[in-house]
């Protein structure tokens, strides 16, 4: 399978073929949920994407900003999928920086005791939740 550069294809199919999502259903849900933009605009799953378009994809806390280089309607090998797009250097740097920040962040509060938490444990947990919410 070789990338096709003279056609258009639906954005949900392209995201699946480029291996950003495991299934087309997941790609469709992400597009409908506002996690994908084409050329700075929100989009629908049936919107066609063509070479030269800039696609912004949010996967969890990470954001990918890619330029479409090729079109594929069917999912192929990872090597073929990587040939379909080129990620911007700023996007790669921002993802690596965020990954390092998340790696260095303290672990969330976890109640490891067995049985019912004590009054002190519940108060500690409530303080932790309040701090996270900014109260």
C-alpha atoms as a PDB file:
ATOM      1  CA  UNK A   1       0.000   0.000   0.000  1.00  0.00           C
ATOM      2  CA  UNK A   2       1.461   3.363  -0.998  1.00  0.00           C
ATOM      3  CA  UNK A   3       0.238   6.780   0.075  1.00  0.00           C
ATOM      4  CA  UNK A   4      -2.057   8.390  -2.486  1.00  0.00           C
ATOM      5  CA  UNK A   5      -1.444  12.136  -2.925  1.00  0.00           C
ATOM      6  CA  UNK A   6      -4.071  13.106  -5.555  1.00  0.00           C
ATOM      7  CA  UNK A   7      -7.294  12.312  -3.687  1.00  0.00           C
ATOM      8  CA  UNK A   8      -9.243  13.311  -0.624  1.00  0.00           C
ATOM      9  CA  UNK A   9     -10.413  11.046   2.148  1.00  0.00           C
ATOM     10  CA  UNK A  10     -12.611  11.442   5.229  1.00  0.00           C
ATOM     11  CA  UNK A  11     -10.741  12.721   8.286  1.00  0.00           C
ATOM     12  CA  UNK A  12     -11.881   9.807  10.456  1.00  0.00           C
ATOM     13  CA  UNK A  13     -10.552   7.289   7.902  1.00  0.00           C
ATOM     14  CA  UNK A  14      -7.284   9.186   7.588  1.00  0.00           C
ATOM     15  CA  UNK A  15      -6.763   9.330  11.372  1.00  0.00           C
ATOM     16  CA  UNK A  16      -7.343   5.585  11.569  1.00  0.00           C
ATOM     17  CA  UNK A  17      -5.056   4.857   8.585  1.00  0.00           C
ATOM     18  CA  UNK A  18      -2.336   7.115  10.049  1.00  0.00           C
ATOM     19  CA  UNK A  19      -2.581   5.072  13.288  1.00  0.00           C
ATOM     20  CA  UNK A  20      -3.588   7.886  15.631  1.00  0.00           C
ATOM     21  CA  UNK A  21      -6.558   5.730  16.727  1.00  0.00           C
ATOM     22  CA  UNK A  22      -6.987   1.950  16.942  1.00  0.00           C
ATOM     23  CA  UNK A  23     -10.467   1.934  15.406  1.00  0.00           C
ATOM     24  CA  UNK A  24     -12.454   4.125  13.042  1.00  0.00           C
ATOM     25  CA  UNK A  25     -15.120   4.386  15.714  1.00  0.00           C
ATOM     26  CA  UNK A  26     -12.599   5.899  18.145  1.00  0.00           C
ATOM     27  CA  UNK A  27     -11.447   8.332  15.439  1.00  0.00           C
ATOM     28  CA  UNK A  28     -15.056   9.334  14.692  1.00  0.00           C
ATOM     29  CA  UNK A  29     -15.801   9.903  18.380  1.00  0.00           C
ATOM     30  CA  UNK A  30     -12.678  12.056  18.762  1.00  0.00           C
ATOM     31  CA  UNK A  31     -13.652  14.210  15.778  1.00  0.00           C
ATOM     32  CA  UNK A  32     -17.229  14.576  17.041  1.00  0.00           C
ATOM     33  CA  UNK A  33     -15.900  15.408  20.511  1.00  0.00           C
ATOM     34  CA  UNK A  34     -13.885  18.362  19.210  1.00  0.00           C
ATOM     35  CA  UNK A  35     -10.481  16.715  19.674  1.00  0.00           C
ATOM     36  CA  UNK A  36      -9.503  17.203  16.012  1.00  0.00           C
ATOM     37  CA  UNK A  37      -9.154  20.421  13.987  1.00  0.00           C
ATOM     38  CA  UNK A  38      -8.314  20.872  10.314  1.00  0.00           C
ATOM     39  CA  UNK A  39      -6.588  24.144   9.389  1.00  0.00           C
ATOM     40  CA  UNK A  40      -7.613  25.693  12.718  1.00  0.00           C
ATOM     41  CA  UNK A  41     -11.327  24.916  12.373  1.00  0.00           C
ATOM     42  CA  UNK A  42     -13.509  22.351  14.096  1.00  0.00           C
ATOM     43  CA  UNK A  43     -14.657  19.561  11.855  1.00  0.00           C
ATOM     44  CA  UNK A  44     -17.027  16.651  11.326  1.00  0.00           C
ATOM     45  CA  UNK A  45     -16.009  13.032  10.641  1.00  0.00           C
ATOM     46  CA  UNK A  46     -16.980  13.184   6.950  1.00  0.00           C
ATOM     47  CA  UNK A  47     -14.883  16.253   6.143  1.00  0.00           C
ATOM     48  CA  UNK A  48     -12.294  15.460   3.485  1.00  0.00           C
ATOM     49  CA  UNK A  49      -8.610  15.968   4.204  1.00  0.00           C
ATOM     50  CA  UNK A  50      -6.063  16.535   1.446  1.00  0.00           C
ATOM     51  CA  UNK A  51      -2.275  16.831   1.296  1.00  0.00           C
ATOM     52  CA  UNK A  52      -1.081  20.149   2.719  1.00  0.00           C
ATOM     53  CA  UNK A  53      -3.789  20.400   5.399  1.00  0.00           C
ATOM     54  CA  UNK A  54      -2.713  21.039   8.986  1.00  0.00           C
ATOM     55  CA  UNK A  55      -4.395  18.694  11.456  1.00  0.00           C
ATOM     56  CA  UNK A  56      -4.361  19.258  15.230  1.00  0.00           C
ATOM     57  CA  UNK A  57      -5.104  16.121  17.267  1.00  0.00           C
ATOM     58  CA  UNK A  58      -5.516  16.001  21.064  1.00  0.00           C
ATOM     59  CA  UNK A  59      -4.873  12.572  22.588  1.00  0.00           C
ATOM     60  CA  UNK A  60      -5.203  12.749  26.364  1.00  0.00           C
ATOM     61  CA  UNK A  61      -2.953  15.521  27.658  1.00  0.00           C
ATOM     62  CA  UNK A  62      -0.841  15.489  24.482  1.00  0.00           C
ATOM     63  CA  UNK A  63      -1.401  17.472  21.300  1.00  0.00           C
ATOM     64  CA  UNK A  64      -0.069  16.539  17.853  1.00  0.00           C
ATOM     65  CA  UNK A  65       0.149  19.172  15.114  1.00  0.00           C
ATOM     66  CA  UNK A  66       0.777  17.438  11.793  1.00  0.00           C
ATOM     67  CA  UNK A  67       0.838  18.339   8.123  1.00  0.00           C
ATOM     68  CA  UNK A  68      -0.853  15.844   5.814  1.00  0.00           C
ATOM     69  CA  UNK A  69       1.587  14.495   3.213  1.00  0.00           C
ATOM     70  CA  UNK A  70      -0.417  11.618   1.773  1.00  0.00           C
ATOM     71  CA  UNK A  71      -3.817   9.976   1.779  1.00  0.00           C
ATOM     72  CA  UNK A  72      -4.690   6.365   2.540  1.00  0.00           C
ATOM     73  CA  UNK A  73      -8.143   4.858   2.876  1.00  0.00           C
ATOM     74  CA  UNK A  74      -6.923   1.607   4.383  1.00  0.00           C
ATOM     75  CA  UNK A  75      -4.735   0.965   7.372  1.00  0.00           C
ATOM     76  CA  UNK A  76      -1.256  -0.256   6.519  1.00  0.00           C
ATOM     77  CA  UNK A  77       2.020  -0.862   8.259  1.00  0.00           C
ATOM     78  CA  UNK A  78       3.434   1.689  10.707  1.00  0.00           C
ATOM     79  CA  UNK A  79       6.035   2.719   8.124  1.00  0.00           C
ATOM     80  CA  UNK A  80       3.293   3.563   5.625  1.00  0.00           C
ATOM     81  CA  UNK A  81       1.325   5.382   8.340  1.00  0.00           C
ATOM     82  CA  UNK A  82       4.309   7.586   9.210  1.00  0.00           C
ATOM     83  CA  UNK A  83       4.663   8.523   5.541  1.00  0.00           C
ATOM     84  CA  UNK A  84       1.162  10.014   5.599  1.00  0.00           C
ATOM     85  CA  UNK A  85       2.085  12.961   7.814  1.00  0.00           C
ATOM     86  CA  UNK A  86       4.903  15.094   9.150  1.00  0.00           C
ATOM     87  CA  UNK A  87       4.738  16.386  12.699  1.00  0.00           C
ATOM     88  CA  UNK A  88       5.832  19.929  13.414  1.00  0.00           C
ATOM     89  CA  UNK A  89       9.045  20.271  15.487  1.00  0.00           C
ATOM     90  CA  UNK A  90       7.273  22.604  17.956  1.00  0.00           C
ATOM     91  CA  UNK A  91       4.625  19.942  18.526  1.00  0.00           C
ATOM     92  CA  UNK A  92       7.233  17.259  19.218  1.00  0.00           C
ATOM     93  CA  UNK A  93       9.104  19.559  21.644  1.00  0.00           C
ATOM     94  CA  UNK A  94       5.899  20.505  23.502  1.00  0.00           C
ATOM     95  CA  UNK A  95       4.878  16.832  23.863  1.00  0.00           C
ATOM     96  CA  UNK A  96       8.324  15.851  25.180  1.00  0.00           C
ATOM     97  CA  UNK A  97       8.280  18.732  27.673  1.00  0.00           C
ATOM     98  CA  UNK A  98       4.800  17.770  28.918  1.00  0.00           C
ATOM     99  CA  UNK A  99       5.821  14.095  29.118  1.00  0.00           C
ATOM    100  CA  UNK A 100       8.811  15.051  31.309  1.00  0.00           C
ATOM    101  CA  UNK A 101       6.606  17.234  33.524  1.00  0.00           C
ATOM    102  CA  UNK A 102       4.086  14.432  33.986  1.00  0.00           C
ATOM    103  CA  UNK A 103       6.852  11.959  34.753  1.00  0.00           C
ATOM    104  CA  UNK A 104       8.247  14.232  37.482  1.00  0.00           C
ATOM    105  CA  UNK A 105       4.829  15.073  38.994  1.00  0.00           C
ATOM    106  CA  UNK A 106       4.098  13.547  42.396  1.00  0.00           C
ATOM    107  CA  UNK A 107       1.871  10.504  42.462  1.00  0.00           C
ATOM    108  CA  UNK A 108      -1.776  11.013  43.329  1.00  0.00           C
ATOM    109  CA  UNK A 109      -2.959  10.272  46.855  1.00  0.00           C
ATOM    110  CA  UNK A 110      -3.804   6.589  47.169  1.00  0.00           C
ATOM    111  CA  UNK A 111      -5.454   5.054  50.217  1.00  0.00           C
ATOM    112  CA  UNK A 112      -3.554   1.798  50.697  1.00  0.00           C
ATOM    113  CA  UNK A 113      -4.903   0.665  54.042  1.00  0.00           C
ATOM    114  CA  UNK A 114      -7.471  -2.076  54.247  1.00  0.00           C
ATOM    115  CA  UNK A 115     -10.919  -1.482  55.603  1.00  0.00           C
ATOM    116  CA  UNK A 116     -12.705   1.751  56.226  1.00  0.00           C
ATOM    117  CA  UNK A 117     -10.594   4.954  56.253  1.00  0.00           C
ATOM    118  CA  UNK A 118     -10.189   6.715  59.574  1.00  0.00           C
ATOM    119  CA  UNK A 119     -11.428  10.229  60.201  1.00  0.00           C
ATOM    120  CA  UNK A 120      -7.881  11.534  59.674  1.00  0.00           C
ATOM    121  CA  UNK A 121      -7.579   9.623  56.368  1.00  0.00           C
ATOM    122  CA  UNK A 122     -10.847  11.115  55.112  1.00  0.00           C
ATOM    123  CA  UNK A 123      -9.741  14.642  56.072  1.00  0.00           C
ATOM    124  CA  UNK A 124      -6.379  14.157  54.316  1.00  0.00           C
ATOM    125  CA  UNK A 125      -8.149  12.925  51.213  1.00  0.00           C
ATOM    126  CA  UNK A 126     -10.563  15.879  51.267  1.00  0.00           C
ATOM    127  CA  UNK A 127      -7.649  18.344  51.633  1.00  0.00           C
ATOM    128  CA  UNK A 128      -5.926  16.710  48.667  1.00  0.00           C
ATOM    129  CA  UNK A 129      -9.060  16.944  46.504  1.00  0.00           C
ATOM    130  CA  UNK A 130      -9.630  20.579  47.494  1.00  0.00           C
ATOM    131  CA  UNK A 131      -6.047  21.497  46.587  1.00  0.00           C
ATOM    132  CA  UNK A 132      -6.427  19.862  43.173  1.00  0.00           C
ATOM    133  CA  UNK A 133      -9.651  21.800  42.519  1.00  0.00           C
ATOM    134  CA  UNK A 134      -8.053  25.068  43.616  1.00  0.00           C
ATOM    135  CA  UNK A 135     -10.230  25.764  46.656  1.00  0.00           C
END
